[in-house]
C-alpha atoms as a PDB file:
ATOM      1  CA  MET A   1       0.074  -0.135  -0.255  1.00  0.00           C
ATOM      2  CA  PRO A   2       1.360   3.634  -0.661  1.00  0.00           C
ATOM      3  CA  ARG A   3       2.448   5.145   1.995  1.00  0.00           C
ATOM      4  CA  PRO A   4       0.943   8.387   3.578  1.00  0.00           C
ATOM      5  CA  ASP A   5       2.877  11.663   3.055  1.00  0.00           C
ATOM      6  CA  LYS A   6       3.642  12.725   6.358  1.00  0.00           C
ATOM      7  CA  LEU A   7       5.271  16.399   6.187  1.00  0.00           C
ATOM      8  CA  PRO A   8       1.588  18.046   5.365  1.00  0.00           C
ATOM      9  CA  LEU A   9      -0.062  15.709   7.947  1.00  0.00           C
ATOM     10  CA  LEU A  10       1.998  16.774  10.530  1.00  0.00           C
ATOM     11  CA  ARG A  11       1.535  20.462  10.019  1.00  0.00           C
ATOM     12  CA  LEU A  12      -2.239  19.799  10.152  1.00  0.00           C
ATOM     13  CA  SER A  13      -1.411  17.818  13.453  1.00  0.00           C
ATOM     14  CA  MET A  14       0.550  20.255  15.115  1.00  0.00           C
ATOM     15  CA  LEU A  15      -2.239  23.273  13.801  1.00  0.00           C
ATOM     16  CA  LEU A  16      -5.109  21.209  15.482  1.00  0.00           C
ATOM     17  CA  SER A  17      -3.196  20.398  18.221  1.00  0.00           C
ATOM     18  CA  GLN A  18      -3.440  24.362  19.309  1.00  0.00           C
ATOM     19  CA  VAL A  19      -7.133  24.770  17.780  1.00  0.00           C
ATOM     20  CA  LEU A  20      -8.966  21.908  18.866  1.00  0.00           C
ATOM     21  CA  PRO A  21      -6.717  20.345  21.426  1.00  0.00           C
ATOM     22  CA  GLN A  22      -9.973  17.820  22.106  1.00  0.00           C
ATOM     23  CA  SER A  23     -10.770  16.682  18.324  1.00  0.00           C
ATOM     24  CA  ARG A  24     -10.510  13.242  17.883  1.00  0.00           C
ATOM     25  CA  ALA A  25      -9.382  12.933  14.227  1.00  0.00           C
ATOM     26  CA  GLU A  26      -6.813  11.091  11.799  1.00  0.00           C
ATOM     27  CA  SER A  27      -6.102  12.360   8.097  1.00  0.00           C
ATOM     28  CA  VAL A  28      -3.820  10.315   5.133  1.00  0.00           C
ATOM     29  CA  LEU A  29      -2.870  12.025   2.403  1.00  0.00           C
ATOM     30  CA  LEU A  30      -1.219  10.002  -0.740  1.00  0.00           C
ATOM     31  CA  GLN A  31      -0.378  10.653  -3.969  1.00  0.00           C
ATOM     32  CA  LEU A  32      -2.722   9.305  -7.095  1.00  0.00           C
ATOM     33  CA  VAL A  33      -2.819   5.431  -6.960  1.00  0.00           C
ATOM     34  CA  GLN A  34      -3.361   3.865 -10.526  1.00  0.00           C
ATOM     35  CA  PRO A  35      -6.015   1.139 -10.608  1.00  0.00           C
ATOM     36  CA  GLU A  36      -3.560  -1.038 -12.202  1.00  0.00           C
ATOM     37  CA  ASP A  37      -1.036  -0.755  -9.988  1.00  0.00           C
ATOM     38  CA  TYR A  38      -3.007  -1.245  -6.912  1.00  0.00           C
ATOM     39  CA  LEU A  39      -4.990  -4.290  -8.135  1.00  0.00           C
ATOM     40  CA  CYS A  40      -1.364  -5.760  -8.719  1.00  0.00           C
ATOM     41  CA  LEU A  41      -0.650  -5.003  -4.689  1.00  0.00           C
ATOM     42  CA  LEU A  42      -3.970  -6.322  -4.428  1.00  0.00           C
ATOM     43  CA  ALA A  43      -3.203  -9.952  -5.861  1.00  0.00           C
ATOM     44  CA  GLN A  44       0.065 -10.215  -3.595  1.00  0.00           C
ATOM     45  CA  ARG A  45      -2.087 -10.301  -0.684  1.00  0.00           C
ATOM     46  CA  SER A  46      -0.030  -8.246   1.122  1.00  0.00           C
ATOM     47  CA  SER A  47      -1.178  -7.462   5.029  1.00  0.00           C
ATOM     48  CA  ASP A  48      -1.349  -4.148   4.813  1.00  0.00           C
ATOM     49  CA  GLN A  49      -3.443  -3.652   1.868  1.00  0.00           C
ATOM     50  CA  ILE A  50      -6.660  -1.986   1.988  1.00  0.00           C
ATOM     51  CA  GLU A  51      -9.417  -3.581   0.134  1.00  0.00           C
ATOM     52  CA  LEU A  52     -12.432  -2.305  -1.401  1.00  0.00           C
ATOM     53  CA  SER A  53     -15.751  -3.893  -1.306  1.00  0.00           C
ATOM     54  CA  PRO A  54     -17.447  -5.490  -3.723  1.00  0.00           C
ATOM     55  CA  GLN A  55     -19.965  -2.398  -4.501  1.00  0.00           C
ATOM     56  CA  GLU A  56     -16.851  -0.290  -4.669  1.00  0.00           C
ATOM     57  CA  PHE A  57     -15.350  -2.071  -7.070  1.00  0.00           C
ATOM     58  CA  GLU A  58     -18.292  -1.931  -9.364  1.00  0.00           C
ATOM     59  CA  THR A  59     -18.231   1.411  -9.062  1.00  0.00           C
ATOM     60  CA  LEU A  60     -14.455   2.168  -9.790  1.00  0.00           C
ATOM     61  CA  LYS A  61     -14.978   0.051 -12.945  1.00  0.00           C
ATOM     62  CA  ALA A  62     -17.838   2.297 -14.295  1.00  0.00           C
ATOM     63  CA  PHE A  63     -15.458   5.094 -14.288  1.00  0.00           C
ATOM     64  CA  LYS A  64     -14.484   5.881 -17.912  1.00  0.00           C
ATOM     65  CA  LEU A  65     -11.709   8.806 -16.883  1.00  0.00           C
ATOM     66  CA  PRO A  66      -8.358   7.080 -16.119  1.00  0.00           C
ATOM     67  CA  LYS A  67      -7.499  10.661 -14.029  1.00  0.00           C
ATOM     68  CA  ARG A  68     -11.394  10.458 -12.399  1.00  0.00           C
ATOM     69  CA  ARG A  69     -10.779   6.696 -11.625  1.00  0.00           C
ATOM     70  CA  SER A  70      -7.222   7.000  -9.865  1.00  0.00           C
ATOM     71  CA  GLN A  71      -8.910   9.914  -7.884  1.00  0.00           C
ATOM     72  CA  TRP A  72     -11.774   8.044  -6.603  1.00  0.00           C
ATOM     73  CA  LEU A  73      -9.876   4.887  -5.839  1.00  0.00           C
ATOM     74  CA  THR A  74      -7.433   7.112  -3.664  1.00  0.00           C
ATOM     75  CA  GLY A  75      -9.582   8.596  -1.832  1.00  0.00           C
ATOM     76  CA  ARG A  76     -11.295   5.758  -0.863  1.00  0.00           C
ATOM     77  CA  LEU A  77      -8.133   4.402   0.413  1.00  0.00           C
ATOM     78  CA  CYS A  78      -7.275   7.526   1.638  1.00  0.00           C
ATOM     79  CA  ALA A  79     -10.638   7.064   3.921  1.00  0.00           C
ATOM     80  CA  LYS A  80     -10.137   3.924   4.705  1.00  0.00           C
ATOM     81  CA  GLN A  81      -6.822   4.205   5.926  1.00  0.00           C
ATOM     82  CA  ALA A  82      -8.223   6.875   8.036  1.00  0.00           C
ATOM     83  CA  VAL A  83     -10.776   5.084   9.876  1.00  0.00           C
ATOM     84  CA  VAL A  84      -8.277   2.246  10.506  1.00  0.00           C
ATOM     85  CA  GLY A  85      -5.447   4.646  12.065  1.00  0.00           C
ATOM     86  CA  TYR A  86      -8.233   5.851  14.123  1.00  0.00           C
ATOM     87  CA  CYS A  87      -9.410   2.710  14.820  1.00  0.00           C
ATOM     88  CA  ARG A  88      -5.912   2.101  16.297  1.00  0.00           C
ATOM     89  CA  LYS A  89      -5.419   5.920  17.586  1.00  0.00           C
ATOM     90  CA  TYR A  90      -9.043   6.332  19.787  1.00  0.00           C
ATOM     91  CA  LEU A  91     -10.198   2.640  19.882  1.00  0.00           C
ATOM     92  CA  PRO A  92      -6.944   0.562  20.554  1.00  0.00           C
ATOM     93  CA  HIS A  93      -8.858  -2.704  22.570  1.00  0.00           C
ATOM     94  CA  LEU A  94     -11.578  -2.302  19.491  1.00  0.00           C
ATOM     95  CA  PRO A  95     -11.407  -6.015  18.022  1.00  0.00           C
ATOM     96  CA  GLU A  96      -9.901  -6.314  14.561  1.00  0.00           C
ATOM     97  CA  PHE A  97     -12.480  -6.611  11.731  1.00  0.00           C
ATOM     98  CA  TYR A  98     -11.882  -6.903   7.901  1.00  0.00           C
ATOM     99  CA  GLN A  99     -10.919  -3.428   5.853  1.00  0.00           C
ATOM    100  CA  THR A 100     -13.254  -5.061   3.300  1.00  0.00           C
ATOM    101  CA  HIS A 101     -16.318  -4.304   5.559  1.00  0.00           C
ATOM    102  CA  ILE A 102     -15.237  -0.480   5.760  1.00  0.00           C
ATOM    103  CA  HIS A 103     -17.587   0.235   3.194  1.00  0.00           C
ATOM    104  CA  ILE A 104     -18.379   3.649   1.835  1.00  0.00           C
ATOM    105  CA  ARG A 105     -21.416   4.836  -0.121  1.00  0.00           C
ATOM    106  CA  ASN A 106     -22.676   8.789  -1.008  1.00  0.00           C
ATOM    107  CA  ALA A 107     -25.233   9.864   0.840  1.00  0.00           C
ATOM    108  CA  SER A 108     -28.212  11.411  -1.155  1.00  0.00           C
ATOM    109  CA  THR A 109     -26.039  15.208  -0.923  1.00  0.00           C
ATOM    110  CA  GLY A 110     -23.108  13.250  -2.830  1.00  0.00           C
ATOM    111  CA  ARG A 111     -21.463  13.336   1.076  1.00  0.00           C
ATOM    112  CA  PRO A 112     -19.385   9.956   1.470  1.00  0.00           C
ATOM    113  CA  GLU A 113     -20.523   8.244   4.741  1.00  0.00           C
ATOM    114  CA  LEU A 114     -19.528   5.001   5.844  1.00  0.00           C
ATOM    115  CA  ASP A 115     -22.323   2.391   5.983  1.00  0.00           C
ATOM    116  CA  GLY A 116     -22.641   1.102   9.645  1.00  0.00           C
ATOM    117  CA  LYS A 117     -24.123  -2.396   8.368  1.00  0.00           C
ATOM    118  CA  GLN A 118     -20.987  -4.097   9.012  1.00  0.00           C
ATOM    119  CA  LEU A 119     -19.017  -1.898  11.384  1.00  0.00           C
ATOM    120  CA  PRO A 120     -18.407  -2.489  15.166  1.00  0.00           C
ATOM    121  CA  PRO A 121     -21.284  -0.163  16.958  1.00  0.00           C
ATOM    122  CA  ALA A 122     -17.957   1.925  18.079  1.00  0.00           C
ATOM    123  CA  LEU A 123     -17.549   3.194  14.732  1.00  0.00           C
ATOM    124  CA  HIS A 124     -20.975   4.063  14.587  1.00  0.00           C
ATOM    125  CA  GLY A 125     -21.319   7.739  14.186  1.00  0.00           C
ATOM    126  CA  LEU A 126     -17.479   8.076  12.516  1.00  0.00           C
ATOM    127  CA  ASP A 127     -17.840  10.721  10.270  1.00  0.00           C
ATOM    128  CA  ILE A 128     -15.488  10.910   7.154  1.00  0.00           C
ATOM    129  CA  SER A 129     -14.633  13.611   4.339  1.00  0.00           C
ATOM    130  CA  ILE A 130     -12.635  13.399   1.399  1.00  0.00           C
ATOM    131  CA  SER A 131     -11.047  15.463  -1.154  1.00  0.00           C
ATOM    132  CA  HIS A 132      -8.456  15.247  -4.430  1.00  0.00           C
ATOM    133  CA  SER A 133      -6.365  17.501  -6.623  1.00  0.00           C
ATOM    134  CA  GLY A 134      -3.534  17.626  -8.835  1.00  0.00           C
ATOM    135  CA  ASP A 135      -1.654  14.311  -7.833  1.00  0.00           C
ATOM    136  CA  TYR A 136      -2.988  14.023  -4.481  1.00  0.00           C
ATOM    137  CA  ALA A 137      -6.163  12.853  -2.359  1.00  0.00           C
ATOM    138  CA  ILE A 138      -6.733  13.224   1.347  1.00  0.00           C
ATOM    139  CA  ALA A 139      -9.077  12.070   3.756  1.00  0.00           C
ATOM    140  CA  LEU A 140     -10.154  13.109   6.817  1.00  0.00           C
ATOM    141  CA  ALA A 141     -12.071  10.329  10.019  1.00  0.00           C
ATOM    142  CA  SER A 142     -13.779  12.348  13.408  1.00  0.00           C
ATOM    143  CA  SER A 143     -15.928  11.479  16.008  1.00  0.00           C
ATOM    144  CA  ALA A 144     -18.050  14.394  14.768  1.00  0.00           C
ATOM    145  CA  PRO A 145     -18.913  16.455  11.447  1.00  0.00           C
ATOM    146  CA  CYS A 146     -15.758  17.211   9.979  1.00  0.00           C
ATOM    147  CA  GLY A 147     -14.530  18.627   6.764  1.00  0.00           C
ATOM    148  CA  ILE A 148     -11.124  18.490   4.472  1.00  0.00           C
ATOM    149  CA  ASP A 149      -9.874  19.859   1.305  1.00  0.00           C
ATOM    150  CA  ILE A 150      -6.832  20.158  -0.438  1.00  0.00           C
ATOM    151  CA  GLN A 151      -6.499  22.298  -3.685  1.00  0.00           C
ATOM    152  CA  GLN A 152      -3.676  23.161  -6.218  1.00  0.00           C
ATOM    153  CA  ARG A 153      -2.853  26.326  -6.535  1.00  0.00           C
ATOM    154  CA  SER A 154      -4.489  27.338 -10.005  1.00  0.00           C
ATOM    155  CA  GLU A 155      -5.184  30.186 -12.196  1.00  0.00           C
ATOM    156  CA  THR A 156      -8.380  29.020 -12.554  1.00  0.00           C
ATOM    157  CA  LEU A 157      -9.306  30.117  -8.907  1.00  0.00           C
ATOM    158  CA  THR A 158      -8.381  34.402  -9.787  1.00  0.00           C
ATOM    159  CA  ARG A 159     -10.899  33.801 -12.650  1.00  0.00           C
ATOM    160  CA  VAL A 160     -13.378  32.302 -10.681  1.00  0.00           C
ATOM    161  CA  ARG A 161     -12.778  35.070  -7.284  1.00  0.00           C
ATOM    162  CA  ASP A 162     -16.177  36.564  -7.449  1.00  0.00           C
ATOM    163  CA  ARG A 163     -17.932  33.245  -6.711  1.00  0.00           C
ATOM    164  CA  PHE A 164     -16.034  32.687  -3.233  1.00  0.00           C
ATOM    165  CA  CYS A 165     -14.075  35.494  -2.116  1.00  0.00           C
ATOM    166  CA  LEU A 166     -15.961  39.195  -0.854  1.00  0.00           C
ATOM    167  CA  LYS A 167     -13.618  42.229  -1.431  1.00  0.00           C
ATOM    168  CA  GLU A 168     -13.216  42.456   2.154  1.00  0.00           C
ATOM    169  CA  GLU A 169     -12.246  39.429   2.541  1.00  0.00           C
ATOM    170  CA  GLU A 170      -9.535  40.482   0.264  1.00  0.00           C
ATOM    171  CA  VAL A 171      -8.464  42.858   2.385  1.00  0.00           C
ATOM    172  CA  ILE A 172      -7.967  40.771   5.004  1.00  0.00           C
ATOM    173  CA  LEU A 173      -5.804  38.162   3.195  1.00  0.00           C
ATOM    174  CA  GLN A 174      -3.599  40.909   1.901  1.00  0.00           C
ATOM    175  CA  ARG A 175      -3.277  42.267   5.350  1.00  0.00           C
ATOM    176  CA  GLN A 176      -2.966  39.455   7.166  1.00  0.00           C
ATOM    177  CA  LEU A 177      -0.624  37.192   4.636  1.00  0.00           C
ATOM    178  CA  PRO A 178       1.829  39.580   2.997  1.00  0.00           C
ATOM    179  CA  THR A 179       4.538  37.215   2.431  1.00  0.00           C
ATOM    180  CA  LEU A 180       2.010  35.136  -0.239  1.00  0.00           C
ATOM    181  CA  ASP A 181       1.265  36.448  -3.670  1.00  0.00           C
ATOM    182  CA  SER A 182      -2.705  36.599  -4.362  1.00  0.00           C
ATOM    183  CA  LEU A 183      -2.946  33.845  -6.289  1.00  0.00           C
ATOM    184  CA  TRP A 184      -1.718  31.934  -2.865  1.00  0.00           C
ATOM    185  CA  GLN A 185      -4.106  33.753  -0.740  1.00  0.00           C
ATOM    186  CA  LEU A 186      -6.958  32.671  -2.914  1.00  0.00           C
ATOM    187  CA  THR A 187      -5.962  29.324  -3.076  1.00  0.00           C
ATOM    188  CA  LEU A 188      -5.934  29.095   1.132  1.00  0.00           C
ATOM    189  CA  LEU A 189      -9.190  30.817   1.391  1.00  0.00           C
ATOM    190  CA  TRP A 190     -10.722  28.213  -1.487  1.00  0.00           C
ATOM    191  CA  ALA A 191      -9.368  25.496   0.775  1.00  0.00           C
ATOM    192  CA  ALA A 192     -10.878  26.724   4.218  1.00  0.00           C
ATOM    193  CA  LYS A 193     -14.038  27.641   2.618  1.00  0.00           C
ATOM    194  CA  GLU A 194     -14.385  24.029   0.942  1.00  0.00           C
ATOM    195  CA  ALA A 195     -13.519  22.002   4.307  1.00  0.00           C
ATOM    196  CA  ALA A 196     -15.991  24.364   5.982  1.00  0.00           C
ATOM    197  CA  LYS A 197     -18.662  23.633   3.758  1.00  0.00           C
ATOM    198  CA  LYS A 198     -18.029  19.681   3.888  1.00  0.00           C
ATOM    199  CA  ALA A 199     -18.130  20.173   7.529  1.00  0.00           C
ATOM    200  CA  LEU A 200     -21.619  21.335   8.086  1.00  0.00           C
ATOM    201  CA  SER A 201     -23.386  19.512   4.950  1.00  0.00           C
ATOM    202  CA  CYS A 202     -24.388  17.259   7.030  1.00  0.00           C
ATOM    203  CA  HIS A 203     -27.000  20.013   8.147  1.00  0.00           C
ATOM    204  CA  GLU A 204     -26.950  21.840   4.843  1.00  0.00           C
ATOM    205  CA  MET A 205     -25.235  22.859   1.861  1.00  0.00           C
ATOM    206  CA  PRO A 206     -23.673  26.253   2.083  1.00  0.00           C
ATOM    207  CA  GLY A 207     -22.320  28.179  -0.427  1.00  0.00           C
ATOM    208  CA  PHE A 208     -19.083  29.790  -0.502  1.00  0.00           C
ATOM    209  CA  LEU A 209     -19.913  33.365   0.422  1.00  0.00           C
ATOM    210  CA  GLN A 210     -22.213  32.186   3.264  1.00  0.00           C
ATOM    211  CA  PHE A 211     -18.788  32.011   4.991  1.00  0.00           C
ATOM    212  CA  ILE A 212     -17.314  35.459   5.687  1.00  0.00           C
ATOM    213  CA  LEU A 213     -13.546  35.347   6.540  1.00  0.00           C
ATOM    214  CA  THR A 214     -12.834  37.480   9.972  1.00  0.00           C
ATOM    215  CA  ASP A 215      -9.159  37.074  10.694  1.00  0.00           C
ATOM    216  CA  ILE A 216      -6.242  34.845  10.462  1.00  0.00           C
ATOM    217  CA  GLY A 217      -4.148  33.926  13.201  1.00  0.00           C
ATOM    218  CA  LYS A 218      -0.249  33.090  12.007  1.00  0.00           C
ATOM    219  CA  ILE A 219       1.066  29.636  13.751  1.00  0.00           C
ATOM    220  CA  LYS A 220       3.869  29.405  11.794  1.00  0.00           C
ATOM    221  CA  SER A 221       5.490  30.255   8.751  1.00  0.00           C
ATOM    222  CA  SER A 222       3.042  27.875   6.417  1.00  0.00           C
ATOM    223  CA  ALA A 223       0.515  27.459   8.876  1.00  0.00           C
ATOM    224  CA  PHE A 224      -2.403  29.284  10.052  1.00  0.00           C
ATOM    225  CA  ILE A 225      -5.912  29.359  11.552  1.00  0.00           C
ATOM    226  CA  PHE A 226      -8.843  31.114   9.210  1.00  0.00           C
ATOM    227  CA  TYR A 227     -11.928  32.594  11.130  1.00  0.00           C
ATOM    228  CA  PHE A 228     -15.045  32.641   9.534  1.00  0.00           C
ATOM    229  CA  GLN A 229     -18.594  33.531  10.226  1.00  0.00           C
ATOM    230  CA  HIS A 230     -21.249  31.530   9.374  1.00  0.00           C
ATOM    231  CA  ASP A 231     -24.193  33.347   7.568  1.00  0.00           C
ATOM    232  CA  ARG A 232     -27.085  30.735   7.212  1.00  0.00           C
ATOM    233  CA  GLN A 233     -28.666  33.255   5.558  1.00  0.00           C
ATOM    234  CA  GLY A 234     -30.773  34.837   8.806  1.00  0.00           C
ATOM    235  CA  LEU A 235     -32.292  31.714   9.885  1.00  0.00           C
ATOM    236  CA  LEU A 236     -30.120  31.040  12.622  1.00  0.00           C
ATOM    237  CA  PRO A 237     -27.705  32.782  14.094  1.00  0.00           C
ATOM    238  CA  LEU A 238     -23.963  33.296  13.406  1.00  0.00           C
ATOM    239  CA  VAL A 239     -21.739  30.570  13.849  1.00  0.00           C
ATOM    240  CA  ALA A 240     -18.540  31.247  14.628  1.00  0.00           C
ATOM    241  CA  LEU A 241     -15.768  28.423  12.876  1.00  0.00           C
ATOM    242  CA  ARG A 242     -12.258  27.866  12.852  1.00  0.00           C
ATOM    243  CA  ILE A 243     -10.279  26.355  10.323  1.00  0.00           C
ATOM    244  CA  ALA A 244      -6.679  24.726  10.311  1.00  0.00           C
ATOM    245  CA  VAL A 245      -5.063  25.932   7.257  1.00  0.00           C
ATOM    246  CA  THR A 246      -1.271  25.023   6.114  1.00  0.00           C
ATOM    247  CA  HIS A 247      -0.041  24.650   2.860  1.00  0.00           C
ATOM    248  CA  PHE A 248       3.197  22.535   0.602  1.00  0.00           C
ATOM    249  CA  ASP A 249       4.649  22.174  -2.688  1.00  0.00           C
ATOM    250  CA  ASP A 250       2.231  23.947  -4.752  1.00  0.00           C
ATOM    251  CA  TYR A 251      -1.285  22.732  -2.514  1.00  0.00           C
ATOM    252  CA  ALA A 252      -2.917  24.390   0.225  1.00  0.00           C
ATOM    253  CA  LEU A 253      -4.835  22.215   2.734  1.00  0.00           C
ATOM    254  CA  ALA A 254      -7.567  22.606   5.032  1.00  0.00           C
ATOM    255  CA  ILE A 255      -9.539  21.180   7.926  1.00  0.00           C
ATOM    256  CA  CYS A 256     -12.863  22.174   9.597  1.00  0.00           C
ATOM    257  CA  LEU A 257     -14.021  20.306  12.910  1.00  0.00           C
ATOM    258  CA  PRO A 258     -17.249  22.646  14.258  1.00  0.00           C
ATOM    259  CA  GLU A 259     -17.020  22.757  17.991  1.00  0.00           C
ATOM    260  CA  GLU A 260     -20.523  22.109  17.320  1.00  0.00           C
ATOM    261  CA  ASP A 261     -22.440  19.057  16.272  1.00  0.00           C
ATOM    262  CA  PHE A 262     -24.970  20.337  13.514  1.00  0.00           C
ATOM    263  CA  ARG A 263     -25.887  16.873  12.696  1.00  0.00           C
ATOM    264  CA  ALA A 264     -29.949  16.416  12.579  1.00  0.00           C
END
């Protein structure tokens, strides 16, 4: 099985320990896995091989575009590794269970979720989030609603900036991140808002402009806390969110673990 890229995840882990020290979450980042290579590894029956369920194999076969097939596969492998890692870290006394029993399906909203039919009761309610961009996929498993996003730096974000970045947010980005160019600032903001959208999508499907950046806290040279107010269209009071954000190479990473459980 491909080994996770530890440096970016170490940065996020350090950041989360300061943002939400009580959080119970595990994340995995992998470079894209080619289905052909995965099937070869599967045939070798190595002890650490993460397996797909029969339903997931059928879904994999249905993808026509090679890149999309690799992204979907790698995201699922990341999510399953994250669940296994979560169990080993937070539930060490949980009896071992077959990794093929970790079946991931899509909810009616498109949000990935664990199918609890064959999972131990201790894992019922475990939330997962998956993201992919460029040559990477990443996933997060958490005891509470969560959102994770990886975004490759791309000029496309500049062309669509009005869809996700308010003028007042640009001012904050320029003031708080003066050493980063405009494209990096937008990339970090996009990743932060995507992570927030995913974390709250179990309750609703908010839009980018419903999240309003209010401040940025700097932890280290490449690690930040983005503070948001979430305007839920005036239906409920504003909700404050803290997003852990970092970057490596040409990518931004963001994790949202709301302190309030928004599940119905």
